[in-house]
Amino acid sequence: MGDTHSRGFVLAARRMFWSGIPLFGLGLAVAWVADGRLMTWECESTGCRRTAGAGWEAIQIGALTTLVLGVALTAAGFLMITLRRPRSGSS
């Protein structure tokens, strides 16, 4: 197992944590916007009905994927920092 107190390990964990937060926010914002536009009205001469737009469904799937990736990166970075092995006491 690698040295969990090395500068590179701590830097990678911090980058994972801090890059996960904006990804989570971006995914949440896009999913919120796409949610209202997922169903559209399609009107014909006989009347109007609601239909699902395929483009907005793809955007919503991408947004949810981004949201899950953000949560995963944030959780992994947090766990990497908090669950580090104690320093070996070689004196």
PDB file of N, CA and C in Angstrom:
ATOM      1  N   MET A   1       0.845  -1.173   0.000  1.00  0.00           N
ATOM      2  CA  MET A   1       0.000   0.000   0.000  1.00  0.00           C
ATOM      3  C   MET A   1       0.894   1.241   0.000  1.00  0.00           C
ATOM      4  N   GLY A   2       0.408   2.292  -0.647  1.00  0.00           N
ATOM      5  CA  GLY A   2       1.196   3.504  -0.759  1.00  0.00           C
ATOM      6  C   GLY A   2       1.247   4.298   0.531  1.00  0.00           C
ATOM      7  N   ASP A   3       2.118   5.285   0.535  1.00  0.00           N
ATOM      8  CA  ASP A   3       2.261   6.167   1.695  1.00  0.00           C
ATOM      9  C   ASP A   3       1.105   7.159   1.699  1.00  0.00           C
ATOM     10  N   THR A   4       0.229   7.021   2.668  1.00  0.00           N
ATOM     11  CA  THR A   4      -0.952   7.876   2.706  1.00  0.00           C
ATOM     12  C   THR A   4      -0.668   9.265   3.269  1.00  0.00           C
ATOM     13  N   HIS A   5       0.543   9.496   3.710  1.00  0.00           N
ATOM     14  CA  HIS A   5       0.913  10.823   4.215  1.00  0.00           C
ATOM     15  C   HIS A   5       1.813  11.579   3.239  1.00  0.00           C
ATOM     16  N   SER A   6       2.019  11.009   2.056  1.00  0.00           N
ATOM     17  CA  SER A   6       2.849  11.707   1.078  1.00  0.00           C
ATOM     18  C   SER A   6       2.108  12.911   0.519  1.00  0.00           C
ATOM     19  N   ARG A   7       2.864  13.854   0.033  1.00  0.00           N
ATOM     20  CA  ARG A   7       2.283  15.084  -0.509  1.00  0.00           C
ATOM     21  C   ARG A   7       1.393  14.788  -1.715  1.00  0.00           C
ATOM     22  N   GLY A   8       1.794  13.851  -2.557  1.00  0.00           N
ATOM     23  CA  GLY A   8       1.010  13.509  -3.750  1.00  0.00           C
ATOM     24  C   GLY A   8      -0.332  12.888  -3.400  1.00  0.00           C
ATOM     25  N   PHE A   9      -0.361  12.036  -2.403  1.00  0.00           N
ATOM     26  CA  PHE A   9      -1.599  11.393  -1.977  1.00  0.00           C
ATOM     27  C   PHE A   9      -2.581  12.425  -1.442  1.00  0.00           C
ATOM     28  N   VAL A  10      -2.103  13.300  -0.586  1.00  0.00           N
ATOM     29  CA  VAL A  10      -2.974  14.323  -0.002  1.00  0.00           C
ATOM     30  C   VAL A  10      -3.465  15.283  -1.080  1.00  0.00           C
ATOM     31  N   LEU A  11      -2.608  15.650  -2.015  1.00  0.00           N
ATOM     32  CA  LEU A  11      -3.009  16.532  -3.106  1.00  0.00           C
ATOM     33  C   LEU A  11      -4.071  15.890  -3.985  1.00  0.00           C
ATOM     34  N   ALA A  12      -3.901  14.595  -4.301  1.00  0.00           N
ATOM     35  CA  ALA A  12      -4.891  13.890  -5.120  1.00  0.00           C
ATOM     36  C   ALA A  12      -6.234  13.811  -4.403  1.00  0.00           C
ATOM     37  N   ALA A  13      -6.199  13.553  -3.112  1.00  0.00           N
ATOM     38  CA  ALA A  13      -7.445  13.476  -2.344  1.00  0.00           C
ATOM     39  C   ALA A  13      -8.148  14.823  -2.307  1.00  0.00           C
ATOM     40  N   ARG A  14      -7.393  15.887  -2.112  1.00  0.00           N
ATOM     41  CA  ARG A  14      -7.997  17.219  -2.095  1.00  0.00           C
ATOM     42  C   ARG A  14      -8.578  17.596  -3.450  1.00  0.00           C
ATOM     43  N   ARG A  15      -7.852  17.268  -4.525  1.00  0.00           N
ATOM     44  CA  ARG A  15      -8.363  17.562  -5.870  1.00  0.00           C
ATOM     45  C   ARG A  15      -9.648  16.792  -6.144  1.00  0.00           C
ATOM     46  N   MET A  16      -9.682  15.532  -5.730  1.00  0.00           N
ATOM     47  CA  MET A  16     -10.895  14.739  -5.927  1.00  0.00           C
ATOM     48  C   MET A  16     -12.065  15.366  -5.181  1.00  0.00           C
ATOM     49  N   PHE A  17     -11.837  15.757  -3.937  1.00  0.00           N
ATOM     50  CA  PHE A  17     -12.899  16.341  -3.124  1.00  0.00           C
ATOM     51  C   PHE A  17     -13.398  17.646  -3.734  1.00  0.00           C
ATOM     52  N   TRP A  18     -12.479  18.557  -4.044  1.00  0.00           N
ATOM     53  CA  TRP A  18     -12.882  19.871  -4.518  1.00  0.00           C
ATOM     54  C   TRP A  18     -13.360  19.877  -5.963  1.00  0.00           C
ATOM     55  N   SER A  19     -13.014  18.883  -6.759  1.00  0.00           N
ATOM     56  CA  SER A  19     -13.583  18.809  -8.110  1.00  0.00           C
ATOM     57  C   SER A  19     -14.935  18.107  -8.097  1.00  0.00           C
ATOM     58  N   GLY A  20     -15.209  17.321  -7.072  1.00  0.00           N
ATOM     59  CA  GLY A  20     -16.507  16.667  -6.973  1.00  0.00           C
ATOM     60  C   GLY A  20     -17.626  17.625  -6.628  1.00  0.00           C
ATOM     61  N   ILE A  21     -17.331  18.642  -5.843  1.00  0.00           N
ATOM     62  CA  ILE A  21     -18.366  19.591  -5.421  1.00  0.00           C
ATOM     63  C   ILE A  21     -18.941  20.383  -6.606  1.00  0.00           C
ATOM     64  N   PRO A  22     -18.111  20.973  -7.493  1.00  0.00           N
ATOM     65  CA  PRO A  22     -18.711  21.671  -8.647  1.00  0.00           C
ATOM     66  C   PRO A  22     -19.418  20.721  -9.617  1.00  0.00           C
ATOM     67  N   LEU A  23     -18.898  19.497  -9.766  1.00  0.00           N
ATOM     68  CA  LEU A  23     -19.584  18.546 -10.630  1.00  0.00           C
ATOM     69  C   LEU A  23     -20.966  18.205 -10.080  1.00  0.00           C
ATOM     70  N   PHE A  24     -21.063  18.036  -8.776  1.00  0.00           N
ATOM     71  CA  PHE A  24     -22.352  17.776  -8.145  1.00  0.00           C
ATOM     72  C   PHE A  24     -23.306  18.947  -8.372  1.00  0.00           C
ATOM     73  N   GLY A  25     -22.817  20.156  -8.163  1.00  0.00           N
ATOM     74  CA  GLY A  25     -23.652  21.343  -8.369  1.00  0.00           C
ATOM     75  C   GLY A  25     -24.090  21.500  -9.816  1.00  0.00           C
ATOM     76  N   LEU A  26     -23.176  21.256 -10.747  1.00  0.00           N
ATOM     77  CA  LEU A  26     -23.508  21.360 -12.166  1.00  0.00           C
ATOM     78  C   LEU A  26     -24.559  20.321 -12.545  1.00  0.00           C
ATOM     79  N   GLY A  27     -24.364  19.099 -12.100  1.00  0.00           N
ATOM     80  CA  GLY A  27     -25.337  18.046 -12.401  1.00  0.00           C
ATOM     81  C   GLY A  27     -26.695  18.341 -11.811  1.00  0.00           C
ATOM     82  N   LEU A  28     -26.701  18.860 -10.594  1.00  0.00           N
ATOM     83  CA  LEU A  28     -27.962  19.201  -9.927  1.00  0.00           C
ATOM     84  C   LEU A  28     -28.688  20.321 -10.664  1.00  0.00           C
ATOM     85  N   ALA A  29     -27.949  21.333 -11.076  1.00  0.00           N
ATOM     86  CA  ALA A  29     -28.557  22.470 -11.777  1.00  0.00           C
ATOM     87  C   ALA A  29     -29.111  22.052 -13.138  1.00  0.00           C
ATOM     88  N   VAL A  30     -28.359  21.283 -13.897  1.00  0.00           N
ATOM     89  CA  VAL A  30     -28.825  20.871 -15.225  1.00  0.00           C
ATOM     90  C   VAL A  30     -30.002  19.908 -15.113  1.00  0.00           C
ATOM     91  N   ALA A  31     -29.959  19.007 -14.123  1.00  0.00           N
ATOM     92  CA  ALA A  31     -31.088  18.085 -13.930  1.00  0.00           C
ATOM     93  C   ALA A  31     -32.351  18.852 -13.552  1.00  0.00           C
ATOM     94  N   TRP A  32     -32.205  19.903 -12.754  1.00  0.00           N
ATOM     95  CA  TRP A  32     -33.356  20.711 -12.351  1.00  0.00           C
ATOM     96  C   TRP A  32     -33.960  21.446 -13.551  1.00  0.00           C
ATOM     97  N   VAL A  33     -33.092  21.971 -14.419  1.00  0.00           N
ATOM     98  CA  VAL A  33     -33.564  22.676 -15.610  1.00  0.00           C
ATOM     99  C   VAL A  33     -34.206  21.695 -16.593  1.00  0.00           C
ATOM    100  N   ALA A  34     -33.578  20.540 -16.784  1.00  0.00           N
ATOM    101  CA  ALA A  34     -34.090  19.561 -17.750  1.00  0.00           C
ATOM    102  C   ALA A  34     -35.371  18.905 -17.258  1.00  0.00           C
ATOM    103  N   ASP A  35     -35.580  18.859 -15.961  1.00  0.00           N
ATOM    104  CA  ASP A  35     -36.769  18.200 -15.424  1.00  0.00           C
ATOM    105  C   ASP A  35     -38.050  18.906 -15.860  1.00  0.00           C
ATOM    106  N   GLY A  36     -38.050  20.202 -15.875  1.00  0.00           N
ATOM    107  CA  GLY A  36     -39.229  20.942 -16.285  1.00  0.00           C
ATOM    108  C   GLY A  36     -39.488  20.892 -17.780  1.00  0.00           C
ATOM    109  N   ARG A  37     -38.475  20.610 -18.562  1.00  0.00           N
ATOM    110  CA  ARG A  37     -38.612  20.605 -20.019  1.00  0.00           C
ATOM    111  C   ARG A  37     -38.687  19.207 -20.603  1.00  0.00           C
ATOM    112  N   LEU A  38     -38.708  18.193 -19.739  1.00  0.00           N
ATOM    113  CA  LEU A  38     -38.710  16.818 -20.229  1.00  0.00           C
ATOM    114  C   LEU A  38     -39.997  16.503 -20.986  1.00  0.00           C
ATOM    115  N   MET A  39     -41.121  16.954 -20.468  1.00  0.00           N
ATOM    116  CA  MET A  39     -42.411  16.732 -21.132  1.00  0.00           C
ATOM    117  C   MET A  39     -42.797  18.005 -21.885  1.00  0.00           C
ATOM    118  N   THR A  40     -43.146  17.850 -23.155  1.00  0.00           N
ATOM    119  CA  THR A  40     -43.547  18.993 -23.968  1.00  0.00           C
ATOM    120  C   THR A  40     -44.949  18.748 -24.513  1.00  0.00           C
ATOM    121  N   TRP A  41     -45.574  19.814 -24.941  1.00  0.00           N
ATOM    122  CA  TRP A  41     -46.908  19.715 -25.527  1.00  0.00           C
ATOM    123  C   TRP A  41     -46.786  19.636 -27.039  1.00  0.00           C
ATOM    124  N   GLU A  42     -47.491  18.691 -27.619  1.00  0.00           N
ATOM    125  CA  GLU A  42     -47.517  18.544 -29.076  1.00  0.00           C
ATOM    126  C   GLU A  42     -48.966  18.711 -29.520  1.00  0.00           C
ATOM    127  N   CYS A  43     -49.218  19.748 -30.271  1.00  0.00           N
ATOM    128  CA  CYS A  43     -50.597  20.050 -30.670  1.00  0.00           C
ATOM    129  C   CYS A  43     -50.817  19.710 -32.138  1.00  0.00           C
ATOM    130  N   GLU A  44     -51.936  19.065 -32.381  1.00  0.00           N
ATOM    131  CA  GLU A  44     -52.371  18.736 -33.746  1.00  0.00           C
ATOM    132  C   GLU A  44     -53.778  19.291 -33.931  1.00  0.00           C
ATOM    133  N   SER A  45     -54.373  19.003 -35.061  1.00  0.00           N
ATOM    134  CA  SER A  45     -55.726  19.518 -35.325  1.00  0.00           C
ATOM    135  C   SER A  45     -56.765  18.870 -34.403  1.00  0.00           C
ATOM    136  N   THR A  46     -56.485  17.664 -33.921  1.00  0.00           N
ATOM    137  CA  THR A  46     -57.440  16.965 -33.045  1.00  0.00           C
ATOM    138  C   THR A  46     -57.300  17.372 -31.585  1.00  0.00           C
ATOM    139  N   GLY A  47     -56.197  17.953 -31.216  1.00  0.00           N
ATOM    140  CA  GLY A  47     -56.001  18.359 -29.830  1.00  0.00           C
ATOM    141  C   GLY A  47     -54.532  18.353 -29.451  1.00  0.00           C
ATOM    142  N   CYS A  48     -54.265  18.604 -28.178  1.00  0.00           N
ATOM    143  CA  CYS A  48     -52.887  18.652 -27.680  1.00  0.00           C
ATOM    144  C   CYS A  48     -52.638  17.484 -26.729  1.00  0.00           C
ATOM    145  N   ARG A  49     -51.419  16.979 -26.748  1.00  0.00           N
ATOM    146  CA  ARG A  49     -51.032  15.916 -25.820  1.00  0.00           C
ATOM    147  C   ARG A  49     -49.588  16.137 -25.395  1.00  0.00           C
ATOM    148  N   ARG A  50     -49.243  15.533 -24.285  1.00  0.00           N
ATOM    149  CA  ARG A  50     -47.872  15.673 -23.758  1.00  0.00           C
ATOM    150  C   ARG A  50     -46.996  14.560 -24.324  1.00  0.00           C
ATOM    151  N   THR A  51     -45.801  14.933 -24.744  1.00  0.00           N
ATOM    152  CA  THR A  51     -44.848  13.948 -25.252  1.00  0.00           C
ATOM    153  C   THR A  51     -43.491  14.190 -24.585  1.00  0.00           C
ATOM    154  N   ALA A  52     -42.712  13.136 -24.544  1.00  0.00           N
ATOM    155  CA  ALA A  52     -41.369  13.244 -23.963  1.00  0.00           C
ATOM    156  C   ALA A  52     -40.377  13.598 -25.067  1.00  0.00           C
ATOM    157  N   GLY A  53     -39.572  14.620 -24.814  1.00  0.00           N
ATOM    158  CA  GLY A  53     -38.554  15.015 -25.774  1.00  0.00           C
ATOM    159  C   GLY A  53     -37.284  14.184 -25.586  1.00  0.00           C
ATOM    160  N   ALA A  54     -36.822  13.549 -26.645  1.00  0.00           N
ATOM    161  CA  ALA A  54     -35.646  12.674 -26.543  1.00  0.00           C
ATOM    162  C   ALA A  54     -34.377  13.464 -26.225  1.00  0.00           C
ATOM    163  N   GLY A  55     -34.283  14.675 -26.733  1.00  0.00           N
ATOM    164  CA  GLY A  55     -33.101  15.494 -26.464  1.00  0.00           C
ATOM    165  C   GLY A  55     -32.975  15.844 -24.993  1.00  0.00           C
ATOM    166  N   TRP A  56     -34.104  16.222 -24.390  1.00  0.00           N
ATOM    167  CA  TRP A  56     -34.072  16.567 -22.966  1.00  0.00           C
ATOM    168  C   TRP A  56     -33.831  15.341 -22.101  1.00  0.00           C
ATOM    169  N   GLU A  57     -34.297  14.166 -22.549  1.00  0.00           N
ATOM    170  CA  GLU A  57     -34.007  12.937 -21.796  1.00  0.00           C
ATOM    171  C   GLU A  57     -32.507  12.667 -21.787  1.00  0.00           C
ATOM    172  N   ALA A  58     -31.848  12.865 -22.920  1.00  0.00           N
ATOM    173  CA  ALA A  58     -30.403  12.651 -22.991  1.00  0.00           C
ATOM    174  C   ALA A  58     -29.666  13.649 -22.097  1.00  0.00           C
ATOM    175  N   ILE A  59     -30.137  14.883 -22.075  1.00  0.00           N
ATOM    176  CA  ILE A  59     -29.521  15.894 -21.212  1.00  0.00           C
ATOM    177  C   ILE A  59     -29.707  15.520 -19.747  1.00  0.00           C
ATOM    178  N   GLN A  60     -30.897  15.031 -19.410  1.00  0.00           N
ATOM    179  CA  GLN A  60     -31.150  14.650 -18.020  1.00  0.00           C
ATOM    180  C   GLN A  60     -30.298  13.454 -17.605  1.00  0.00           C
ATOM    181  N   ILE A  61     -30.103  12.492 -18.489  1.00  0.00           N
ATOM    182  CA  ILE A  61     -29.238  11.336 -18.177  1.00  0.00           C
ATOM    183  C   ILE A  61     -27.801  11.806 -17.973  1.00  0.00           C
ATOM    184  N   GLY A  62     -27.333  12.709 -18.826  1.00  0.00           N
ATOM    185  CA  GLY A  62     -25.985  13.267 -18.657  1.00  0.00           C
ATOM    186  C   GLY A  62     -25.846  14.037 -17.360  1.00  0.00           C
ATOM    187  N   ALA A  63     -26.888  14.788 -17.002  1.00  0.00           N
ATOM    188  CA  ALA A  63     -26.852  15.556 -15.760  1.00  0.00           C
ATOM    189  C   ALA A  63     -26.820  14.636 -14.548  1.00  0.00           C
ATOM    190  N   LEU A  64     -27.603  13.590 -14.573  1.00  0.00           N
ATOM    191  CA  LEU A  64     -27.605  12.652 -13.445  1.00  0.00           C
ATOM    192  C   LEU A  64     -26.275  11.904 -13.348  1.00  0.00           C
ATOM    193  N   THR A  65     -25.668  11.598 -14.493  1.00  0.00           N
ATOM    194  CA  THR A  65     -24.350  10.965 -14.485  1.00  0.00           C
ATOM    195  C   THR A  65     -23.315  11.900 -13.872  1.00  0.00           C
ATOM    196  N   THR A  66     -23.367  13.178 -14.227  1.00  0.00           N
ATOM    197  CA  THR A  66     -22.457  14.169 -13.666  1.00  0.00           C
ATOM    198  C   THR A  66     -22.677  14.320 -12.162  1.00  0.00           C
ATOM    199  N   LEU A  67     -23.937  14.315 -11.759  1.00  0.00           N
ATOM    200  CA  LEU A  67     -24.269  14.425 -10.342  1.00  0.00           C
ATOM    201  C   LEU A  67     -23.698  13.243  -9.554  1.00  0.00           C
ATOM    202  N   VAL A  68     -23.868  12.033 -10.067  1.00  0.00           N
ATOM    203  CA  VAL A  68     -23.355  10.838  -9.377  1.00  0.00           C
ATOM    204  C   VAL A  68     -21.832  10.845  -9.349  1.00  0.00           C
ATOM    205  N   LEU A  69     -21.199  11.271 -10.441  1.00  0.00           N
ATOM    206  CA  LEU A  69     -19.738  11.355 -10.467  1.00  0.00           C
ATOM    207  C   LEU A  69     -19.237  12.366  -9.445  1.00  0.00           C
ATOM    208  N   GLY A  70     -19.925  13.489  -9.317  1.00  0.00           N
ATOM    209  CA  GLY A  70     -19.540  14.490  -8.327  1.00  0.00           C
ATOM    210  C   GLY A  70     -19.641  13.956  -6.912  1.00  0.00           C
ATOM    211  N   VAL A  71     -20.722  13.254  -6.617  1.00  0.00           N
ATOM    212  CA  VAL A  71     -20.887  12.669  -5.281  1.00  0.00           C
ATOM    213  C   VAL A  71     -19.806  11.624  -5.022  1.00  0.00           C
ATOM    214  N   ALA A  72     -19.525  10.794  -6.022  1.00  0.00           N
ATOM    215  CA  ALA A  72     -18.518   9.749  -5.852  1.00  0.00           C
ATOM    216  C   ALA A  72     -17.129  10.346  -5.625  1.00  0.00           C
ATOM    217  N   LEU A  73     -16.769  11.377  -6.389  1.00  0.00           N
ATOM    218  CA  LEU A  73     -15.461  12.010  -6.209  1.00  0.00           C
ATOM    219  C   LEU A  73     -15.352  12.680  -4.845  1.00  0.00           C
ATOM    220  N   THR A  74     -16.411  13.358  -4.433  1.00  0.00           N
ATOM    221  CA  THR A  74     -16.394  14.020  -3.134  1.00  0.00           C
ATOM    222  C   THR A  74     -16.275  13.011  -2.004  1.00  0.00           C
ATOM    223  N   ALA A  75     -17.048  11.939  -2.079  1.00  0.00           N
ATOM    224  CA  ALA A  75     -16.998  10.907  -1.036  1.00  0.00           C
ATOM    225  C   ALA A  75     -15.644  10.207  -1.010  1.00  0.00           C
ATOM    226  N   ALA A  76     -15.108   9.891  -2.187  1.00  0.00           N
ATOM    227  CA  ALA A  76     -13.812   9.215  -2.232  1.00  0.00           C
ATOM    228  C   ALA A  76     -12.702  10.112  -1.687  1.00  0.00           C
ATOM    229  N   GLY A  77     -12.716  11.384  -2.062  1.00  0.00           N
ATOM    230  CA  GLY A  77     -11.711  12.309  -1.533  1.00  0.00           C
ATOM    231  C   GLY A  77     -11.823  12.477  -0.032  1.00  0.00           C
ATOM    232  N   PHE A  78     -13.052  12.579   0.468  1.00  0.00           N
ATOM    233  CA  PHE A  78     -13.267  12.704   1.905  1.00  0.00           C
ATOM    234  C   PHE A  78     -12.765  11.460   2.640  1.00  0.00           C
ATOM    235  N   LEU A  79     -13.082  10.290   2.112  1.00  0.00           N
ATOM    236  CA  LEU A  79     -12.640   9.053   2.757  1.00  0.00           C
ATOM    237  C   LEU A  79     -11.119   8.878   2.676  1.00  0.00           C
ATOM    238  N   MET A  80     -10.522   9.308   1.577  1.00  0.00           N
ATOM    239  CA  MET A  80      -9.063   9.215   1.460  1.00  0.00           C
ATOM    240  C   MET A  80      -8.373  10.068   2.517  1.00  0.00           C
ATOM    241  N   ILE A  81      -8.934  11.222   2.814  1.00  0.00           N
ATOM    242  CA  ILE A  81      -8.326  12.100   3.821  1.00  0.00           C
ATOM    243  C   ILE A  81      -8.587  11.584   5.233  1.00  0.00           C
ATOM    244  N   THR A  82      -9.807  11.166   5.509  1.00  0.00           N
ATOM    245  CA  THR A  82     -10.143  10.803   6.892  1.00  0.00           C
ATOM    246  C   THR A  82      -9.677   9.409   7.286  1.00  0.00           C
ATOM    247  N   LEU A  83      -9.518   8.501   6.345  1.00  0.00           N
ATOM    248  CA  LEU A  83      -9.162   7.124   6.688  1.00  0.00           C
ATOM    249  C   LEU A  83      -7.694   6.795   6.372  1.00  0.00           C
ATOM    250  N   ARG A  84      -6.849   7.803   6.476  1.00  0.00           N
ATOM    251  CA  ARG A  84      -5.422   7.545   6.247  1.00  0.00           C
ATOM    252  C   ARG A  84      -4.849   6.700   7.362  1.00  0.00           C
ATOM    253  N   ARG A  85      -3.857   5.897   7.016  1.00  0.00           N
ATOM    254  CA  ARG A  85      -3.182   5.093   8.039  1.00  0.00           C
ATOM    255  C   ARG A  85      -2.374   5.999   8.943  1.00  0.00           C
ATOM    256  N   PRO A  86      -2.265   5.623  10.230  1.00  0.00           N
ATOM    257  CA  PRO A  86      -1.441   6.442  11.129  1.00  0.00           C
ATOM    258  C   PRO A  86       0.024   6.330  10.734  1.00  0.00           C
ATOM    259  N   ARG A  87       0.763   7.359  11.073  1.00  0.00           N
ATOM    260  CA  ARG A  87       2.203   7.342  10.763  1.00  0.00           C
ATOM    261  C   ARG A  87       2.872   6.224  11.540  1.00  0.00           C
ATOM    262  N   SER A  88       3.770   5.553  10.869  1.00  0.00           N
ATOM    263  CA  SER A  88       4.509   4.493  11.584  1.00  0.00           C
ATOM    264  C   SER A  88       5.511   5.145  12.520  1.00  0.00           C
ATOM    265  N   GLY A  89       5.548   4.713  13.751  1.00  0.00           N
ATOM    266  CA  GLY A  89       6.411   5.334  14.769  1.00  0.00           C
ATOM    267  C   GLY A  89       7.811   4.753  14.761  1.00  0.00           C
ATOM    268  N   SER A  90       8.570   5.017  13.717  1.00  0.00           N
ATOM    269  CA  SER A  90       9.957   4.543  13.657  1.00  0.00           C
ATOM    270  C   SER A  90      10.875   5.592  14.271  1.00  0.00           C
ATOM    271  N   SER A  91      11.318   5.361  15.482  1.00  0.00           N
ATOM    272  CA  SER A  91      12.187   6.325  16.162  1.00  0.00           C
ATOM    273  C   SER A  91      13.547   5.748  16.365  1.00  0.00           C
TER     274      SER A  91
END
